[in-house]
Amino acid sequence: MALTPVEPGMVATIVTHLEMLDRPKPAPIPAAPLRLVRWKTPDPHAYRILFRRVGEPWLWFSRLVMPDAALRAIIHHPDVEVYAVTDPRGAEVGLLELDFRLAPDCELSFFGLAPGLTGKGFGQWLMAQAKSLAWRKGVDRFWVHTCTLDSPAALAFYIKAGFVPFAREVETFADPRLAGVLPRDAAPHAPLLDR
């Protein structure tokens, strides 16, 4: 077995790509005290607040460092749908983003709930919502990728939801905690190596 060194200041993760090629049979959406609210043209600042709330524990940073114009080009595109998950008080506690730009594919670009809501069955509710919205006329494939920086339950969750792994890659990138994009204590499961 060969090991590949990762330089200090860098993070490495194994990315698994998964796909669903058959439309799932209709099923009731599980009950939850949450709502899905479509953001048609999200303000980049508000979007980044929610993105950070959901993704900081997993080192999500791509949309945090993107210039506003580039972010708007994605989240305001007519073939990209952004949804906030809200709790009974109206607080935004989750993110669902579907990308139809490469039809007939639909990518599950971002999917997650804020800390404190995971492990309570709400992910099944959100996935049922995602499948219901993704599988529309003209869609032949629904796909997603996850990595070893995500929740340890993520890969099994996607497989249980009906996605099948089809590719794996290793990704390395500069640690966003060192640049101050995320706090140094974010994602404690990924050790910060800055020496």
C-alpha atoms as a PDB file:
ATOM      1  CA  MET A   1       0.000   0.000   0.000  1.00  0.00           C
ATOM      2  CA  ALA A   2       1.279   3.425  -0.891  1.00  0.00           C
ATOM      3  CA  LEU A   3       0.657   6.514   1.188  1.00  0.00           C
ATOM      4  CA  THR A   4       0.532   9.968  -0.374  1.00  0.00           C
ATOM      5  CA  PRO A   5       1.852  12.742   1.838  1.00  0.00           C
ATOM      6  CA  VAL A   6      -0.373  15.763   2.401  1.00  0.00           C
ATOM      7  CA  GLU A   7       1.559  18.970   2.924  1.00  0.00           C
ATOM      8  CA  PRO A   8       0.994  21.021   6.078  1.00  0.00           C
ATOM      9  CA  GLY A   9      -1.766  23.546   5.489  1.00  0.00           C
ATOM     10  CA  MET A  10      -3.599  21.210   3.128  1.00  0.00           C
ATOM     11  CA  VAL A  11      -6.605  18.948   3.659  1.00  0.00           C
ATOM     12  CA  ALA A  12      -7.214  15.683   1.833  1.00  0.00           C
ATOM     13  CA  THR A  13     -10.515  13.888   1.490  1.00  0.00           C
ATOM     14  CA  ILE A  14     -11.915  10.947  -0.436  1.00  0.00           C
ATOM     15  CA  VAL A  15     -14.876  11.997  -2.578  1.00  0.00           C
ATOM     16  CA  THR A  16     -17.487   9.407  -3.540  1.00  0.00           C
ATOM     17  CA  HIS A  17     -19.844  10.142  -6.438  1.00  0.00           C
ATOM     18  CA  LEU A  18     -23.266   8.483  -6.332  1.00  0.00           C
ATOM     19  CA  GLU A  19     -26.159   8.383  -8.772  1.00  0.00           C
ATOM     20  CA  MET A  20     -29.778   7.354  -8.990  1.00  0.00           C
ATOM     21  CA  LEU A  21     -30.793   6.326 -12.512  1.00  0.00           C
ATOM     22  CA  ASP A  22     -34.368   5.248 -11.881  1.00  0.00           C
ATOM     23  CA  ARG A  23     -37.169   7.453 -10.642  1.00  0.00           C
ATOM     24  CA  PRO A  24     -38.184   6.172  -7.198  1.00  0.00           C
ATOM     25  CA  LYS A  25     -41.698   4.884  -6.681  1.00  0.00           C
ATOM     26  CA  PRO A  26     -44.005   7.511  -5.201  1.00  0.00           C
ATOM     27  CA  ALA A  27     -43.918   7.469  -1.418  1.00  0.00           C
ATOM     28  CA  PRO A  28     -45.338   9.718   1.274  1.00  0.00           C
ATOM     29  CA  ILE A  29     -43.008  12.394   2.628  1.00  0.00           C
ATOM     30  CA  PRO A  30     -42.251  11.672   6.301  1.00  0.00           C
ATOM     31  CA  ALA A  31     -43.801  14.051   8.805  1.00  0.00           C
ATOM     32  CA  ALA A  32     -41.552  16.763  10.217  1.00  0.00           C
ATOM     33  CA  PRO A  33     -42.057  20.115  11.937  1.00  0.00           C
ATOM     34  CA  LEU A  34     -39.978  21.724   9.192  1.00  0.00           C
ATOM     35  CA  ARG A  35     -40.835  23.609   6.013  1.00  0.00           C
ATOM     36  CA  LEU A  36     -39.049  23.984   2.706  1.00  0.00           C
ATOM     37  CA  VAL A  37     -38.936  27.576   1.432  1.00  0.00           C
ATOM     38  CA  ARG A  38     -37.795  28.337  -2.123  1.00  0.00           C
ATOM     39  CA  TRP A  39     -35.297  31.187  -2.449  1.00  0.00           C
ATOM     40  CA  LYS A  40     -35.776  32.334  -6.051  1.00  0.00           C
ATOM     41  CA  THR A  41     -32.972  34.919  -6.106  1.00  0.00           C
ATOM     42  CA  PRO A  42     -31.161  34.557  -2.797  1.00  0.00           C
ATOM     43  CA  ASP A  43     -29.119  37.442  -1.493  1.00  0.00           C
ATOM     44  CA  PRO A  44     -25.484  36.212  -1.494  1.00  0.00           C
ATOM     45  CA  HIS A  45     -24.969  37.384   2.087  1.00  0.00           C
ATOM     46  CA  ALA A  46     -28.065  35.541   3.398  1.00  0.00           C
ATOM     47  CA  TYR A  47     -27.132  32.476   1.337  1.00  0.00           C
ATOM     48  CA  ARG A  48     -23.622  32.409   2.812  1.00  0.00           C
ATOM     49  CA  ILE A  49     -24.979  32.709   6.358  1.00  0.00           C
ATOM     50  CA  LEU A  50     -27.112  29.595   5.832  1.00  0.00           C
ATOM     51  CA  PHE A  51     -24.323  27.817   3.929  1.00  0.00           C
ATOM     52  CA  ARG A  52     -21.962  28.442   6.858  1.00  0.00           C
ATOM     53  CA  ARG A  53     -24.578  27.434   9.457  1.00  0.00           C
ATOM     54  CA  VAL A  54     -25.050  24.066   7.766  1.00  0.00           C
ATOM     55  CA  GLY A  55     -21.585  23.411   6.373  1.00  0.00           C
ATOM     56  CA  GLU A  56     -19.043  24.780   8.841  1.00  0.00           C
ATOM     57  CA  PRO A  57     -18.804  21.493  10.796  1.00  0.00           C
ATOM     58  CA  TRP A  58     -17.857  19.744   7.525  1.00  0.00           C
ATOM     59  CA  LEU A  59     -15.471  22.383   6.126  1.00  0.00           C
ATOM     60  CA  TRP A  60     -17.861  23.597   3.422  1.00  0.00           C
ATOM     61  CA  PHE A  61     -16.172  26.723   2.151  1.00  0.00           C
ATOM     62  CA  SER A  62     -16.480  26.880  -1.641  1.00  0.00           C
ATOM     63  CA  ARG A  63     -19.368  29.347  -1.672  1.00  0.00           C
ATOM     64  CA  LEU A  64     -17.832  31.422   1.125  1.00  0.00           C
ATOM     65  CA  VAL A  65     -14.774  32.372  -0.942  1.00  0.00           C
ATOM     66  CA  MET A  66     -16.545  32.794  -4.277  1.00  0.00           C
ATOM     67  CA  PRO A  67     -16.917  36.384  -5.523  1.00  0.00           C
ATOM     68  CA  ASP A  68     -20.493  37.680  -5.322  1.00  0.00           C
ATOM     69  CA  ALA A  69     -20.872  37.815  -9.111  1.00  0.00           C
ATOM     70  CA  ALA A  70     -19.801  34.174  -9.496  1.00  0.00           C
ATOM     71  CA  LEU A  71     -22.088  33.077  -6.659  1.00  0.00           C
ATOM     72  CA  ARG A  72     -25.047  35.004  -8.127  1.00  0.00           C
ATOM     73  CA  ALA A  73     -24.387  33.396 -11.527  1.00  0.00           C
ATOM     74  CA  ILE A  74     -25.037  30.014  -9.892  1.00  0.00           C
ATOM     75  CA  ILE A  75     -27.737  30.641  -7.302  1.00  0.00           C
ATOM     76  CA  HIS A  76     -29.746  33.010  -9.556  1.00  0.00           C
ATOM     77  CA  HIS A  77     -29.502  30.746 -12.605  1.00  0.00           C
ATOM     78  CA  PRO A  78     -32.999  29.667 -13.716  1.00  0.00           C
ATOM     79  CA  ASP A  79     -31.887  26.014 -13.690  1.00  0.00           C
ATOM     80  CA  VAL A  80     -30.641  26.103 -10.081  1.00  0.00           C
ATOM     81  CA  GLU A  81     -33.117  25.841  -7.213  1.00  0.00           C
ATOM     82  CA  VAL A  82     -32.168  26.896  -3.681  1.00  0.00           C
ATOM     83  CA  TYR A  83     -34.366  26.012  -0.717  1.00  0.00           C
ATOM     84  CA  ALA A  84     -34.019  26.923   2.942  1.00  0.00           C
ATOM     85  CA  VAL A  85     -35.307  24.501   5.543  1.00  0.00           C
ATOM     86  CA  THR A  86     -37.096  26.442   8.267  1.00  0.00           C
ATOM     87  CA  ASP A  87     -38.142  25.376  11.738  1.00  0.00           C
ATOM     88  CA  PRO A  88     -41.563  26.168  13.305  1.00  0.00           C
ATOM     89  CA  ARG A  89     -40.324  29.641  14.348  1.00  0.00           C
ATOM     90  CA  GLY A  90     -39.156  30.402  10.803  1.00  0.00           C
ATOM     91  CA  ALA A  91     -35.443  30.098  11.571  1.00  0.00           C
ATOM     92  CA  GLU A  92     -33.370  28.796   8.647  1.00  0.00           C
ATOM     93  CA  VAL A  93     -31.881  25.480   9.725  1.00  0.00           C
ATOM     94  CA  GLY A  94     -31.082  23.613   6.530  1.00  0.00           C
ATOM     95  CA  LEU A  95     -30.114  23.940   2.888  1.00  0.00           C
ATOM     96  CA  LEU A  96     -31.190  22.088  -0.232  1.00  0.00           C
ATOM     97  CA  GLU A  97     -29.766  23.048  -3.614  1.00  0.00           C
ATOM     98  CA  LEU A  98     -30.657  21.312  -6.878  1.00  0.00           C
ATOM     99  CA  ASP A  99     -28.764  21.993 -10.110  1.00  0.00           C
ATOM    100  CA  PHE A 100     -30.520  21.191 -13.396  1.00  0.00           C
ATOM    101  CA  ARG A 101     -28.025  23.072 -15.626  1.00  0.00           C
ATOM    102  CA  LEU A 102     -26.625  19.875 -17.158  1.00  0.00           C
ATOM    103  CA  ALA A 103     -29.917  18.274 -18.164  1.00  0.00           C
ATOM    104  CA  PRO A 104     -30.963  15.501 -18.216  1.00  0.00           C
ATOM    105  CA  ASP A 105     -28.983  15.341 -14.956  1.00  0.00           C
ATOM    106  CA  CYS A 106     -30.004  16.900 -11.661  1.00  0.00           C
ATOM    107  CA  GLU A 107     -27.192  17.352  -9.163  1.00  0.00           C
ATOM    108  CA  LEU A 108     -27.925  17.458  -5.470  1.00  0.00           C
ATOM    109  CA  SER A 109     -25.382  20.251  -5.005  1.00  0.00           C
ATOM    110  CA  PHE A 110     -25.877  20.953  -1.308  1.00  0.00           C
ATOM    111  CA  PHE A 111     -27.921  19.063   1.237  1.00  0.00           C
ATOM    112  CA  GLY A 112     -27.719  19.491   4.963  1.00  0.00           C
ATOM    113  CA  LEU A 113     -29.170  20.482   8.286  1.00  0.00           C
ATOM    114  CA  ALA A 114     -27.703  22.660  11.005  1.00  0.00           C
ATOM    115  CA  PRO A 115     -25.994  20.973  13.956  1.00  0.00           C
ATOM    116  CA  GLY A 116     -28.509  19.734  16.480  1.00  0.00           C
ATOM    117  CA  LEU A 117     -31.000  18.561  13.852  1.00  0.00           C
ATOM    118  CA  THR A 118     -29.030  15.621  12.498  1.00  0.00           C
ATOM    119  CA  GLY A 119     -29.766  12.105  13.689  1.00  0.00           C
ATOM    120  CA  LYS A 120     -33.447  12.874  14.356  1.00  0.00           C
ATOM    121  CA  GLY A 121     -34.965  11.606  11.111  1.00  0.00           C
ATOM    122  CA  PHE A 122     -35.188  15.058   9.521  1.00  0.00           C
ATOM    123  CA  GLY A 123     -32.659  14.036   6.887  1.00  0.00           C
ATOM    124  CA  GLN A 124     -35.140  11.460   5.586  1.00  0.00           C
ATOM    125  CA  TRP A 125     -37.771  14.190   5.340  1.00  0.00           C
ATOM    126  CA  LEU A 126     -35.351  16.452   3.459  1.00  0.00           C
ATOM    127  CA  MET A 127     -34.278  13.639   1.121  1.00  0.00           C
ATOM    128  CA  ALA A 128     -37.916  12.839   0.327  1.00  0.00           C
ATOM    129  CA  GLN A 129     -38.394  16.515  -0.530  1.00  0.00           C
ATOM    130  CA  ALA A 130     -35.238  16.488  -2.676  1.00  0.00           C
ATOM    131  CA  LYS A 131     -36.302  13.408  -4.637  1.00  0.00           C
ATOM    132  CA  SER A 132     -39.783  14.809  -5.158  1.00  0.00           C
ATOM    133  CA  LEU A 133     -38.352  18.060  -6.563  1.00  0.00           C
ATOM    134  CA  ALA A 134     -35.496  16.504  -8.564  1.00  0.00           C
ATOM    135  CA  TRP A 135     -37.367  13.793 -10.425  1.00  0.00           C
ATOM    136  CA  ARG A 136     -39.348  15.846 -12.906  1.00  0.00           C
ATOM    137  CA  LYS A 137     -40.016  15.458 -16.589  1.00  0.00           C
ATOM    138  CA  GLY A 138     -36.774  15.281 -18.556  1.00  0.00           C
ATOM    139  CA  VAL A 139     -34.553  14.165 -15.645  1.00  0.00           C
ATOM    140  CA  ASP A 140     -32.754  10.865 -16.273  1.00  0.00           C
ATOM    141  CA  ARG A 141     -30.195  10.961 -13.470  1.00  0.00           C
ATOM    142  CA  PHE A 142     -30.101  12.377  -9.950  1.00  0.00           C
ATOM    143  CA  TRP A 143     -26.594  12.472  -8.550  1.00  0.00           C
ATOM    144  CA  VAL A 144     -24.606  13.661  -5.559  1.00  0.00           C
ATOM    145  CA  HIS A 145     -21.120  13.511  -4.146  1.00  0.00           C
ATOM    146  CA  THR A 146     -20.022  13.214  -0.548  1.00  0.00           C
ATOM    147  CA  CYS A 147     -16.618  13.034   1.067  1.00  0.00           C
ATOM    148  CA  THR A 148     -14.855  11.799   4.162  1.00  0.00           C
ATOM    149  CA  LEU A 149     -15.100  15.299   5.663  1.00  0.00           C
ATOM    150  CA  ASP A 150     -18.908  15.019   5.729  1.00  0.00           C
ATOM    151  CA  SER A 151     -20.799  13.304   8.512  1.00  0.00           C
ATOM    152  CA  PRO A 152     -19.644   9.692   8.929  1.00  0.00           C
ATOM    153  CA  ALA A 153     -23.280   8.711   8.298  1.00  0.00           C
ATOM    154  CA  ALA A 154     -23.553  10.589   4.966  1.00  0.00           C
ATOM    155  CA  LEU A 155     -22.399   7.872   2.575  1.00  0.00           C
ATOM    156  CA  ALA A 156     -24.640   5.191   4.109  1.00  0.00           C
ATOM    157  CA  PHE A 157     -27.527   7.687   4.182  1.00  0.00           C
ATOM    158  CA  TYR A 158     -27.237   8.369   0.440  1.00  0.00           C
ATOM    159  CA  ILE A 159     -26.995   4.650  -0.366  1.00  0.00           C
ATOM    160  CA  LYS A 160     -30.060   3.907   1.778  1.00  0.00           C
ATOM    161  CA  ALA A 161     -31.891   6.712  -0.081  1.00  0.00           C
ATOM    162  CA  GLY A 162     -31.280   4.851  -3.354  1.00  0.00           C
ATOM    163  CA  PHE A 163     -28.061   6.364  -4.702  1.00  0.00           C
ATOM    164  CA  VAL A 164     -25.407   3.992  -6.036  1.00  0.00           C
ATOM    165  CA  PRO A 165     -21.672   4.825  -5.855  1.00  0.00           C
ATOM    166  CA  PHE A 166     -20.046   5.053  -9.279  1.00  0.00           C
ATOM    167  CA  ALA A 167     -16.696   6.834  -8.818  1.00  0.00           C
ATOM    168  CA  ARG A 168     -14.185   7.828  -6.168  1.00  0.00           C
ATOM    169  CA  GLU A 169     -11.481  10.515  -6.146  1.00  0.00           C
ATOM    170  CA  VAL A 170      -9.024  12.064  -3.714  1.00  0.00           C
ATOM    171  CA  GLU A 171      -9.298  15.836  -3.384  1.00  0.00           C
ATOM    172  CA  THR A 172      -6.764  18.098  -1.696  1.00  0.00           C
ATOM    173  CA  PHE A 173      -7.180  21.788  -0.988  1.00  0.00           C
ATOM    174  CA  ALA A 174      -5.740  24.556   1.164  1.00  0.00           C
ATOM    175  CA  ASP A 175      -7.269  24.384   4.633  1.00  0.00           C
ATOM    176  CA  PRO A 176      -9.866  27.195   4.811  1.00  0.00           C
ATOM    177  CA  ARG A 177      -9.312  27.499   8.565  1.00  0.00           C
ATOM    178  CA  LEU A 178      -5.783  28.753   7.992  1.00  0.00           C
ATOM    179  CA  ALA A 179      -7.013  31.528   5.708  1.00  0.00           C
ATOM    180  CA  GLY A 180      -9.618  32.599   8.278  1.00  0.00           C
ATOM    181  CA  VAL A 181     -12.530  31.549   6.035  1.00  0.00           C
ATOM    182  CA  LEU A 182     -13.724  29.202   8.781  1.00  0.00           C
ATOM    183  CA  PRO A 183     -12.781  29.247  12.479  1.00  0.00           C
ATOM    184  CA  ARG A 184      -9.797  27.171  13.539  1.00  0.00           C
ATOM    185  CA  ASP A 185     -12.058  24.945  15.649  1.00  0.00           C
ATOM    186  CA  ALA A 186     -14.388  24.065  12.733  1.00  0.00           C
ATOM    187  CA  ALA A 187     -14.498  20.396  11.735  1.00  0.00           C
ATOM    188  CA  PRO A 188     -12.472  18.995  14.643  1.00  0.00           C
ATOM    189  CA  HIS A 189     -12.614  15.575  12.979  1.00  0.00           C
ATOM    190  CA  ALA A 190     -10.148  16.954  10.361  1.00  0.00           C
ATOM    191  CA  PRO A 191      -6.959  17.845  12.260  1.00  0.00           C
ATOM    192  CA  LEU A 192      -5.525  21.270  11.502  1.00  0.00           C
ATOM    193  CA  LEU A 193      -1.910  20.800  10.336  1.00  0.00           C
ATOM    194  CA  ASP A 194      -0.275  24.198  10.065  1.00  0.00           C
ATOM    195  CA  ARG A 195       3.317  23.443  10.947  1.00  0.00           C
END
